[in-house]
Amino acid sequence: MPAINYNEKIPNNVNLSDDRTLQRALEQWQPNFLKWWDGMGPEKSSNFDVYLRTAVSAEPQGWAHFDYVKMPDYRWGIFLSPPEQERKIHFGEQRGQDAWQDVPGEHRSNLRRIIVTQGDTEPASVEQQKHLGLTAPSLYDLRNLFQVNVEEGRHLWAMVHLLHRYFGRDGRDEAEALLERNSGDANNPRILGAFNEKTPDWLAFFMFTYFTDRDGKFQLSALAESAFDPLARTTKFMLTEEAHHMFVGESGVSRVVQRTCEVMNELKTDDPAKVRAGGAIDLDMIQRYLNFHYSVTIDLFGADQSSNAATFYSSGLKGRYEEGKRTDDHVLKEQSYKVLEVVDGQLQEKEVPMLNALNEVLRDDFIKDSVAGVGRWNKVIEKAGIPSRLIVPHKAFNRKIGALAGVRISPQGKPVSATEWAANEKNWLPTAEDRAFVASLMGRVAEAGKFAGWIAPPRVGVDRKPVDFEYVRFG
């Protein structure tokens, strides 16, 4: 096997060319990654020339280099954000001590678990989206899908670098396992439930990148506070790319909503059946998709009370979102937080120690952020002169994890009977008929500047290019 040119093939700022042990580990892992990409990555796309952004350094002028590239030749780099001199741990029981440049033995198992769980989400989303390129509504959208895919691949490389560099044989085994699990596989599924769900159509993709990649934003932000400095610097740099994924989701749903409103006004109707007959996705169906992806995503934050979350925080492994902007003592032993429980068939709040409720703290931060974006979608509807509005369902709706798992709660937060749930589920969550209708709209639009009839064009293109730029050239 030819040796990898570490300046060309793997752009990095971790001195790969000087670390022979790490070089050998990555030389052994890379062919398996490329085999995984060929089998589980974007389908029938290996010969496409795609106008992609590639990070070639961690500096502001270096992380967004645009050019045409075939995806199997993409330069998956390894970057850490620039180091902070004399960085200190700023939360937990070791607050004020020096940040760790290596893995403390007592935290080795937990840190490996955190890195593996985060790393497992990256290839999972590529697997979930592998068929979507065949039904892209435009070259602009196809390019954005592929950009998300290659960056999830780069994020996998980022986590694999940490496993190889800091965790020895255990890390190498874990890195191989990241390529062996597959999304939705009955025998060897991905670690987290949301990453085993199907992403069968582009409305689901836009909802996924809006909500589930937003979970990524908050998880990465919490890890960017870590006392383990290489992890903090790695995830901080990953956030620069995660922002684009959320943009794809927010703008994608916004464009779907815009086109729906245009059809409603053209036909002068709010009848969902007539809107669908007009080739658009009605607002009620969009709401059901929103309800599903939102509820699946907030389960990713874990149980509302968690001893693991308390341990991770007190040990300095994982902080809160924007930890440095908070004004408490950053130790939290005397703090409390409100979580929900069901008592006598009713939702009630109860105070619990904040250390045990840190999953709920992060979930509530995510919810505030999600609500803001849905408000921007509603402005599109308002501007069109249509009185309907999208809502974010109650956080107890359709939960599968924690104290609220399996509790029947309406999107408005009202406890309902099994009979009421059965009668209304088709109004609250996507049905097989919904998914079949959306699937019927899917079909690749391969002419530059043309868009499928169910989605509006974007206002601007990528990298200051026009909307009708040839973002993908088919081989």
Protein backbone atom coordinates (compact mmCIF):
# COMPACT_ATOMS: atom_id res chain seq x y z
CA MET A 1 0.00 0.00 0.00
CA PRO A 2 1.46 3.40 -0.94
CA ALA A 3 2.11 5.76 1.96
CA ILE A 4 -0.26 8.67 2.43
CA ASN A 5 1.04 12.14 1.63
CA TYR A 6 -0.07 13.87 4.82
CA ASN A 7 0.20 17.37 3.43
CA GLU A 8 -1.93 16.59 0.37
CA LYS A 9 -4.24 13.70 1.19
CA ILE A 10 -5.10 14.57 4.79
CA PRO A 11 -4.82 18.31 5.50
CA ASN A 12 -4.15 18.63 9.21
CA ASN A 13 -2.74 20.72 12.01
CA VAL A 14 -1.90 17.79 14.30
CA ASN A 15 1.61 17.08 12.96
CA LEU A 16 0.67 13.83 11.26
CA SER A 17 3.86 13.81 9.21
CA ASP A 18 5.93 13.60 12.43
CA ASP A 19 3.92 10.89 14.18
CA ARG A 20 4.78 7.51 12.70
CA THR A 21 2.57 5.53 15.11
CA LEU A 22 -0.47 7.61 14.21
CA GLN A 23 0.44 7.45 10.51
CA ARG A 24 0.48 3.65 10.57
CA ALA A 25 -2.84 3.51 12.39
CA LEU A 26 -4.52 5.82 9.90
CA GLU A 27 -2.92 4.04 6.92
CA GLN A 28 -4.60 0.86 8.12
CA TRP A 29 -7.94 2.57 8.81
CA GLN A 30 -8.23 4.67 5.65
CA PRO A 31 -8.85 1.80 3.16
CA ASN A 32 -11.68 0.52 5.36
CA PHE A 33 -13.15 4.03 5.48
CA LEU A 34 -13.04 4.29 1.67
CA LYS A 35 -14.63 0.84 1.38
CA TRP A 36 -17.36 1.97 3.78
CA TRP A 37 -17.87 5.18 1.77
CA ASP A 38 -18.13 3.22 -1.48
CA GLY A 39 -20.73 0.87 -0.01
CA MET A 40 -22.66 3.11 2.39
CA GLY A 41 -22.00 6.64 1.14
CA PRO A 42 -23.97 8.63 -1.47
CA GLU A 43 -25.33 6.18 -4.01
CA LYS A 44 -24.12 6.22 -7.64
CA SER A 45 -22.15 9.45 -7.18
CA SER A 46 -18.49 8.47 -7.29
CA ASN A 47 -17.90 9.98 -10.75
CA PHE A 48 -19.66 13.29 -10.11
CA ASP A 49 -17.65 16.50 -9.98
CA VAL A 50 -19.17 18.40 -7.05
CA TYR A 51 -18.53 22.02 -6.13
CA LEU A 52 -17.51 21.39 -2.52
CA ARG A 53 -16.00 23.29 0.36
CA THR A 54 -12.89 21.69 1.83
CA ALA A 55 -11.18 22.66 5.05
CA VAL A 56 -7.43 22.98 4.38
CA SER A 57 -6.48 24.72 7.64
CA ALA A 58 -8.10 25.86 10.88
CA GLU A 59 -7.49 29.51 10.09
CA PRO A 60 -10.47 31.65 8.99
CA GLN A 61 -9.12 31.90 5.43
CA GLY A 62 -8.34 28.19 5.21
CA TRP A 63 -11.36 26.23 6.31
CA ALA A 64 -13.58 27.08 3.32
CA HIS A 65 -11.76 26.33 0.07
CA PHE A 66 -14.22 25.74 -2.84
CA ASP A 67 -13.57 23.71 -5.98
CA TYR A 68 -14.90 20.78 -7.98
CA VAL A 69 -13.93 17.41 -6.53
CA LYS A 70 -15.01 13.81 -6.86
CA MET A 71 -16.21 12.73 -3.44
CA PRO A 72 -14.01 9.60 -3.09
CA ASP A 73 -11.06 12.00 -3.62
CA TYR A 74 -12.28 14.50 -1.01
CA ARG A 75 -9.51 15.60 1.36
CA TRP A 76 -10.88 14.57 4.75
CA GLY A 77 -8.70 16.63 7.04
CA ILE A 78 -8.04 16.54 10.79
CA PHE A 79 -8.20 19.92 12.48
CA LEU A 80 -8.24 21.26 16.00
CA SER A 81 -9.11 24.86 16.72
CA PRO A 82 -6.06 26.97 17.68
CA PRO A 83 -4.84 26.27 21.22
CA GLU A 84 -5.68 28.58 24.09
CA GLN A 85 -2.50 29.28 26.03
CA GLU A 86 -2.55 28.04 29.63
CA ARG A 87 -6.19 26.96 29.26
CA LYS A 88 -7.87 26.12 32.56
CA ILE A 89 -10.73 23.79 33.43
CA HIS A 90 -13.67 26.10 34.06
CA PHE A 91 -16.33 23.81 35.53
CA GLY A 92 -16.64 20.75 37.76
CA GLU A 93 -14.65 19.65 40.76
CA GLN A 94 -11.27 20.46 39.15
CA ARG A 95 -12.27 23.98 38.13
CA GLY A 96 -9.23 26.28 37.89
CA GLN A 97 -6.71 23.49 37.23
CA ASP A 98 -4.84 23.11 33.95
CA ALA A 99 -6.75 21.52 31.07
CA TRP A 100 -5.58 18.01 30.22
CA GLN A 101 -3.41 17.44 27.16
CA ASP A 102 -3.60 13.69 27.61
CA VAL A 103 -6.26 11.32 28.97
CA PRO A 104 -6.24 10.87 32.75
CA GLY A 105 -6.40 7.17 33.55
CA GLU A 106 -9.44 7.51 35.79
CA HIS A 107 -11.43 9.14 32.97
CA ARG A 108 -10.23 6.96 30.14
CA SER A 109 -13.34 4.78 29.88
CA ASN A 110 -15.83 7.66 30.06
CA LEU A 111 -13.94 9.79 27.55
CA ARG A 112 -13.72 6.91 25.12
CA ARG A 113 -17.46 6.34 25.51
CA ILE A 114 -18.22 10.00 24.82
CA ILE A 115 -15.99 10.10 21.72
CA VAL A 116 -17.35 6.83 20.34
CA THR A 117 -20.97 7.91 20.82
CA GLN A 118 -20.33 11.22 19.05
CA GLY A 119 -18.26 9.53 16.36
CA ASP A 120 -20.98 6.96 15.70
CA THR A 121 -23.49 9.65 14.70
CA GLU A 122 -21.30 10.93 11.87
CA PRO A 123 -21.27 7.92 9.51
CA ALA A 124 -24.82 7.07 10.62
CA SER A 125 -26.28 10.20 9.05
CA VAL A 126 -24.40 9.51 5.79
CA GLU A 127 -25.93 6.03 5.74
CA GLN A 128 -29.39 7.43 6.43
CA GLN A 129 -29.05 9.82 3.48
CA LYS A 130 -27.31 7.55 0.95
CA HIS A 131 -30.30 7.30 -1.46
CA LEU A 132 -31.33 10.96 -1.39
CA GLY A 133 -29.04 12.07 -4.20
CA LEU A 134 -31.17 10.05 -6.64
CA THR A 135 -34.17 12.32 -5.97
CA ALA A 136 -32.58 15.74 -5.41
CA PRO A 137 -34.93 18.64 -6.29
CA SER A 138 -32.09 20.67 -7.89
CA LEU A 139 -28.34 20.71 -8.46
CA TYR A 140 -28.11 23.30 -5.68
CA ASP A 141 -29.75 20.90 -3.22
CA LEU A 142 -27.75 17.92 -4.49
CA ARG A 143 -24.55 19.84 -3.87
CA ASN A 144 -25.70 20.77 -0.35
CA LEU A 145 -26.51 17.13 0.43
CA PHE A 146 -23.06 16.05 -0.72
CA GLN A 147 -21.44 18.85 1.30
CA VAL A 148 -23.20 17.61 4.42
CA ASN A 149 -22.13 14.05 3.62
CA VAL A 150 -18.43 14.77 3.17
CA GLU A 151 -18.35 16.93 6.30
CA GLU A 152 -19.96 14.18 8.34
CA GLY A 153 -17.17 12.01 6.96
CA ARG A 154 -14.62 14.59 8.10
CA HIS A 155 -16.20 14.65 11.55
CA LEU A 156 -15.77 10.88 11.67
CA TRP A 157 -12.08 11.35 10.84
CA ALA A 158 -11.87 13.90 13.68
CA MET A 159 -13.19 11.41 16.23
CA VAL A 160 -11.09 8.56 14.82
CA HIS A 161 -7.99 10.72 15.18
CA LEU A 162 -8.72 11.11 18.90
CA LEU A 163 -9.31 7.38 19.31
CA HIS A 164 -6.10 6.45 17.50
CA ARG A 165 -3.97 9.14 19.09
CA TYR A 166 -5.03 8.83 22.71
CA PHE A 167 -6.58 5.39 23.32
CA GLY A 168 -4.13 2.82 21.92
CA ARG A 169 -5.44 -0.60 20.91
CA ASP A 170 -8.85 0.08 22.47
CA GLY A 171 -9.13 3.20 20.33
CA ARG A 172 -8.13 1.37 17.16
CA ASP A 173 -10.76 -1.30 17.83
CA GLU A 174 -13.40 1.34 18.44
CA ALA A 175 -12.43 3.13 15.22
CA GLU A 176 -12.96 -0.07 13.25
CA ALA A 177 -16.31 -0.66 14.94
CA LEU A 178 -17.47 2.78 13.79
CA LEU A 179 -17.36 1.41 10.24
CA GLU A 180 -18.95 -1.93 11.14
CA ARG A 181 -22.20 -0.66 12.66
CA ASN A 182 -24.81 0.46 10.13
CA SER A 183 -27.88 2.65 10.49
CA GLY A 184 -30.99 0.53 10.94
CA ASP A 185 -29.09 -2.77 10.86
CA ALA A 186 -31.05 -5.35 12.84
CA ASN A 187 -27.93 -7.03 14.20
CA ASN A 188 -25.43 -4.17 14.50
CA PRO A 189 -27.31 -0.83 14.58
CA ARG A 190 -25.99 2.62 15.37
CA ILE A 191 -25.77 3.53 19.06
CA LEU A 192 -28.49 6.21 19.23
CA GLY A 193 -32.08 5.58 18.18
CA ALA A 194 -32.57 8.64 15.95
CA PHE A 195 -29.66 7.49 13.81
CA ASN A 196 -31.41 4.23 12.99
CA GLU A 197 -34.49 5.98 11.59
CA LYS A 198 -34.92 6.15 7.84
CA THR A 199 -34.52 9.44 5.98
CA PRO A 200 -36.60 8.45 2.95
CA ASP A 201 -37.30 11.81 1.34
CA TRP A 202 -36.10 15.39 1.15
CA LEU A 203 -38.62 16.83 3.59
CA ALA A 204 -37.32 14.32 6.13
CA PHE A 205 -33.75 15.32 5.22
CA PHE A 206 -34.45 19.01 5.77
CA MET A 207 -36.14 18.27 9.10
CA PHE A 208 -33.22 16.02 10.08
CA THR A 209 -30.61 18.65 9.29
CA TYR A 210 -32.64 21.31 11.10
CA PHE A 211 -33.44 19.37 14.26
CA THR A 212 -31.00 16.46 14.53
CA ASP A 213 -27.95 18.40 13.39
CA ARG A 214 -29.04 21.04 15.90
CA ASP A 215 -28.70 18.36 18.56
CA GLY A 216 -25.18 17.98 17.17
CA LYS A 217 -24.59 21.69 17.71
CA PHE A 218 -25.51 21.46 21.38
CA GLN A 219 -23.65 18.21 22.02
CA LEU A 220 -20.52 19.53 20.31
CA SER A 221 -20.80 22.82 22.19
CA ALA A 222 -20.95 20.93 25.49
CA LEU A 223 -17.91 18.87 24.48
CA ALA A 224 -16.06 22.02 23.37
CA GLU A 225 -16.00 22.93 27.09
CA SER A 226 -14.24 19.68 28.02
CA ALA A 227 -11.21 19.61 30.30
CA PHE A 228 -9.67 17.20 27.76
CA ASP A 229 -8.21 19.87 25.52
CA PRO A 230 -7.82 17.84 22.28
CA LEU A 231 -11.52 16.93 22.44
CA ALA A 232 -12.53 20.52 23.18
CA ARG A 233 -10.48 21.89 20.29
CA THR A 234 -11.67 19.18 17.88
CA THR A 235 -15.37 19.75 18.56
CA LYS A 236 -14.99 23.52 18.52
CA PHE A 237 -13.71 23.32 14.95
CA MET A 238 -16.46 20.86 13.98
CA LEU A 239 -19.03 23.50 14.96
CA THR A 240 -17.94 25.72 12.06
CA GLU A 241 -19.17 23.02 9.67
CA GLU A 242 -22.22 21.99 11.70
CA ALA A 243 -23.63 25.49 11.19
CA HIS A 244 -23.91 24.81 7.45
CA HIS A 245 -25.85 21.60 8.06
CA MET A 246 -28.42 23.47 10.13
CA PHE A 247 -28.62 26.15 7.44
CA VAL A 248 -29.43 23.46 4.87
CA GLY A 249 -32.28 22.28 7.09
CA GLU A 250 -33.70 25.64 8.06
CA SER A 251 -33.53 27.10 4.56
CA GLY A 252 -34.79 23.86 3.02
CA VAL A 253 -37.94 23.71 5.14
CA SER A 254 -38.42 27.45 4.61
CA ARG A 255 -38.35 26.94 0.84
CA VAL A 256 -40.83 24.04 1.07
CA VAL A 257 -43.15 26.22 3.16
CA GLN A 258 -42.75 29.10 0.71
CA ARG A 259 -43.72 26.95 -2.26
CA THR A 260 -46.69 25.52 -0.35
CA CYS A 261 -47.91 29.05 0.40
CA GLU A 262 -47.48 30.03 -3.25
CA VAL A 263 -49.64 27.09 -4.35
CA MET A 264 -52.25 27.88 -1.68
CA ASN A 265 -52.49 31.44 -2.95
CA GLU A 266 -52.47 30.43 -6.61
CA LEU A 267 -55.32 27.98 -6.03
CA LYS A 268 -57.00 30.19 -3.39
CA THR A 269 -57.40 27.23 -1.02
CA ASP A 270 -56.23 25.87 2.30
CA ASP A 271 -57.69 22.42 1.59
CA PRO A 272 -54.78 19.97 2.10
CA ALA A 273 -56.08 17.66 -0.63
CA LYS A 274 -56.20 20.47 -3.17
CA VAL A 275 -52.75 21.68 -2.16
CA ARG A 276 -51.38 18.18 -2.68
CA ALA A 277 -53.17 17.95 -6.03
CA GLY A 278 -51.35 21.17 -6.91
CA GLY A 279 -48.02 19.39 -6.39
CA ALA A 280 -47.10 20.91 -3.02
CA ILE A 281 -46.80 19.53 0.51
CA ASP A 282 -49.64 20.88 2.64
CA LEU A 283 -48.89 22.66 5.91
CA ASP A 284 -50.60 19.97 8.01
CA MET A 285 -48.26 17.34 6.59
CA ILE A 286 -45.24 19.57 7.18
CA GLN A 287 -46.42 19.92 10.79
CA ARG A 288 -46.59 16.14 11.19
CA TYR A 289 -43.05 15.76 9.85
CA LEU A 290 -41.93 18.51 12.23
CA ASN A 291 -43.59 16.74 15.19
CA PHE A 292 -41.84 13.47 14.39
CA HIS A 293 -38.32 14.78 13.84
CA TYR A 294 -38.49 17.12 16.82
CA SER A 295 -39.67 14.43 19.23
CA VAL A 296 -37.14 11.87 17.99
CA THR A 297 -34.36 14.45 18.33
CA ILE A 298 -35.09 15.59 21.87
CA ASP A 299 -34.81 11.96 22.96
CA LEU A 300 -31.15 12.15 21.87
CA PHE A 301 -30.39 14.24 24.96
CA GLY A 302 -31.08 11.22 27.14
CA ALA A 303 -33.06 10.72 30.34
CA ASP A 304 -34.18 13.82 32.22
CA GLN A 305 -32.27 12.61 35.26
CA SER A 306 -28.90 10.99 34.71
CA SER A 307 -26.09 10.04 37.07
CA ASN A 308 -23.79 9.77 34.03
CA ALA A 309 -24.45 13.39 33.11
CA ALA A 310 -23.61 14.40 36.70
CA THR A 311 -20.37 12.40 36.56
CA PHE A 312 -19.36 13.82 33.18
CA TYR A 313 -19.88 17.38 34.44
CA SER A 314 -18.27 17.04 37.86
CA SER A 315 -15.28 15.28 36.26
CA GLY A 316 -14.86 18.06 33.70
CA LEU A 317 -15.56 15.80 30.72
CA LYS A 318 -18.62 17.58 29.31
CA GLY A 319 -19.92 21.03 30.18
CA ARG A 320 -23.10 22.90 29.43
CA TYR A 321 -23.92 24.88 26.32
CA GLU A 322 -22.10 28.24 26.57
CA GLU A 323 -20.72 27.33 29.99
CA GLY A 324 -18.55 30.44 30.10
CA LYS A 325 -21.55 32.78 29.82
CA ARG A 326 -23.32 31.33 32.84
CA THR A 327 -23.11 33.16 36.14
CA ASP A 328 -23.42 30.34 38.69
CA ASP A 329 -20.55 28.63 40.50
CA HIS A 330 -19.93 26.07 37.67
CA VAL A 331 -19.89 23.29 40.26
CA LEU A 332 -23.67 23.04 40.76
CA LYS A 333 -23.74 20.96 43.93
CA GLU A 334 -26.23 23.34 45.55
CA GLN A 335 -28.27 24.04 42.42
CA SER A 336 -31.61 22.53 41.39
CA TYR A 337 -33.60 22.31 38.16
CA LYS A 338 -37.20 21.52 37.22
CA VAL A 339 -38.06 18.36 35.30
CA LEU A 340 -41.41 16.89 34.28
CA GLU A 341 -43.12 13.82 35.66
CA VAL A 342 -46.59 12.34 35.35
CA VAL A 343 -48.62 12.17 38.57
CA ASP A 344 -52.18 10.83 38.54
CA GLY A 345 -52.35 11.25 34.79
CA GLN A 346 -51.17 14.88 34.83
CA LEU A 347 -47.84 16.51 33.95
CA GLN A 348 -46.16 18.14 36.91
CA GLU A 349 -42.82 19.84 37.50
CA LYS A 350 -40.49 18.78 40.30
CA GLU A 351 -37.21 20.15 41.56
CA VAL A 352 -34.19 17.83 41.31
CA PRO A 353 -30.45 18.38 41.79
CA MET A 354 -29.14 20.22 38.72
CA LEU A 355 -26.16 17.90 38.37
CA ASN A 356 -28.56 15.04 37.71
CA ALA A 357 -30.69 17.15 35.36
CA LEU A 358 -27.98 18.33 32.97
CA ASN A 359 -29.46 16.37 30.06
CA GLU A 360 -32.67 18.33 30.63
CA VAL A 361 -30.75 21.61 30.81
CA LEU A 362 -29.18 20.91 27.41
CA ARG A 363 -32.52 19.74 26.01
CA ASP A 364 -34.21 22.98 27.12
CA ASP A 365 -31.43 25.04 25.51
CA PHE A 366 -32.01 23.08 22.29
CA ILE A 367 -35.76 23.67 22.49
CA LYS A 368 -35.34 27.45 22.77
CA ASP A 369 -33.07 27.42 19.73
CA SER A 370 -35.46 25.22 17.74
CA VAL A 371 -38.48 27.42 18.53
CA ALA A 372 -36.67 30.45 17.11
CA GLY A 373 -36.14 28.77 13.74
CA VAL A 374 -39.73 27.57 13.51
CA GLY A 375 -40.72 31.17 14.15
CA ARG A 376 -38.77 32.13 11.03
CA TRP A 377 -40.73 29.56 9.00
CA ASN A 378 -43.93 31.12 10.34
CA LYS A 379 -42.82 34.51 9.04
CA VAL A 380 -42.82 33.01 5.53
CA ILE A 381 -46.43 31.90 6.08
CA GLU A 382 -47.37 35.27 7.56
CA LYS A 383 -45.79 37.15 4.66
CA ALA A 384 -47.91 35.06 2.27
CA GLY A 385 -51.04 36.27 4.08
CA ILE A 386 -52.00 32.81 5.33
CA PRO A 387 -53.33 32.53 8.92
CA SER A 388 -51.97 29.02 9.68
CA ARG A 389 -48.85 28.63 11.84
CA LEU A 390 -46.44 25.78 12.55
CA ILE A 391 -45.88 24.92 16.21
CA VAL A 392 -43.19 23.14 18.18
CA PRO A 393 -44.91 20.30 20.06
CA HIS A 394 -44.71 19.94 23.82
CA LYS A 395 -41.49 18.30 24.95
CA ALA A 396 -43.42 15.42 26.51
CA PHE A 397 -44.97 14.48 23.15
CA ASN A 398 -44.02 11.11 21.61
CA ARG A 399 -41.11 10.46 23.94
CA LYS A 400 -39.31 7.13 24.02
CA ILE A 401 -36.59 7.82 26.62
CA GLY A 402 -36.66 8.89 30.28
CA ALA A 403 -39.53 9.42 32.70
CA LEU A 404 -41.83 10.50 29.84
CA ALA A 405 -41.19 7.40 27.72
CA GLY A 406 -44.45 5.92 26.52
CA VAL A 407 -46.60 8.54 28.25
CA ARG A 408 -49.40 9.63 25.93
CA ILE A 409 -49.23 13.43 25.62
CA SER A 410 -50.75 15.53 22.82
CA PRO A 411 -48.61 18.05 20.92
CA GLN A 412 -50.26 20.74 23.07
CA GLY A 413 -49.07 19.01 26.26
CA LYS A 414 -52.36 17.43 27.34
CA PRO A 415 -52.35 13.86 28.70
CA VAL A 416 -54.65 11.70 26.59
CA SER A 417 -56.07 8.20 26.85
CA ALA A 418 -54.97 5.31 24.68
CA THR A 419 -58.21 5.72 22.73
CA GLU A 420 -57.61 9.44 22.14
CA TRP A 421 -54.03 8.77 21.05
CA ALA A 422 -55.12 6.08 18.60
CA ALA A 423 -57.77 8.38 17.16
CA ASN A 424 -55.41 11.32 16.71
CA GLU A 425 -52.03 9.78 15.90
CA LYS A 426 -52.69 10.17 12.17
CA ASN A 427 -53.15 13.92 12.77
CA TRP A 428 -49.99 14.26 14.85
CA LEU A 429 -47.36 12.04 13.18
CA PRO A 430 -46.61 11.21 9.53
CA THR A 431 -48.69 8.35 8.19
CA ALA A 432 -47.73 5.80 5.57
CA GLU A 433 -49.95 7.76 3.18
CA ASP A 434 -48.09 10.99 4.00
CA ARG A 435 -44.75 9.40 3.28
CA ALA A 436 -46.06 7.81 0.09
CA PHE A 437 -47.32 11.18 -1.15
CA VAL A 438 -44.03 12.94 -0.39
CA ALA A 439 -42.19 10.06 -2.07
CA SER A 440 -44.37 10.55 -5.17
CA LEU A 441 -43.00 14.11 -5.50
CA MET A 442 -39.39 13.02 -5.31
CA GLY A 443 -37.42 12.91 -8.56
CA ARG A 444 -34.00 14.22 -9.51
CA VAL A 445 -33.94 17.60 -11.24
CA ALA A 446 -30.58 17.62 -13.01
CA GLU A 447 -30.67 20.85 -15.04
CA ALA A 448 -28.84 23.85 -13.58
CA GLY A 449 -31.24 26.51 -12.33
CA LYS A 450 -34.29 24.24 -12.40
CA PHE A 451 -36.19 23.20 -9.25
CA ALA A 452 -38.84 20.62 -8.41
CA GLY A 453 -42.35 22.00 -8.17
CA TRP A 454 -42.70 21.35 -4.43
CA ILE A 455 -39.82 23.63 -3.34
CA ALA A 456 -38.96 27.28 -4.01
CA PRO A 457 -35.48 28.28 -5.26
CA PRO A 458 -33.05 29.77 -2.73
CA ARG A 459 -32.50 33.52 -2.68
CA VAL A 460 -28.73 33.21 -3.23
CA GLY A 461 -26.34 30.51 -4.35
CA VAL A 462 -23.27 28.93 -2.75
CA ASP A 463 -19.94 30.78 -2.55
CA ARG A 464 -21.41 33.85 -4.28
CA LYS A 465 -22.27 31.75 -7.31
CA PRO A 466 -25.62 32.25 -9.06
CA VAL A 467 -28.51 29.96 -8.23
CA ASP A 468 -28.30 28.48 -11.75
CA PHE A 469 -24.61 27.58 -11.38
CA GLU A 470 -23.68 24.01 -12.34
CA TYR A 471 -23.04 22.82 -8.78
CA VAL A 472 -22.77 19.16 -9.83
CA ARG A 473 -21.34 17.82 -13.07
CA PHE A 474 -22.43 14.28 -13.83
CA GLY A 475 -19.72 11.91 -15.01
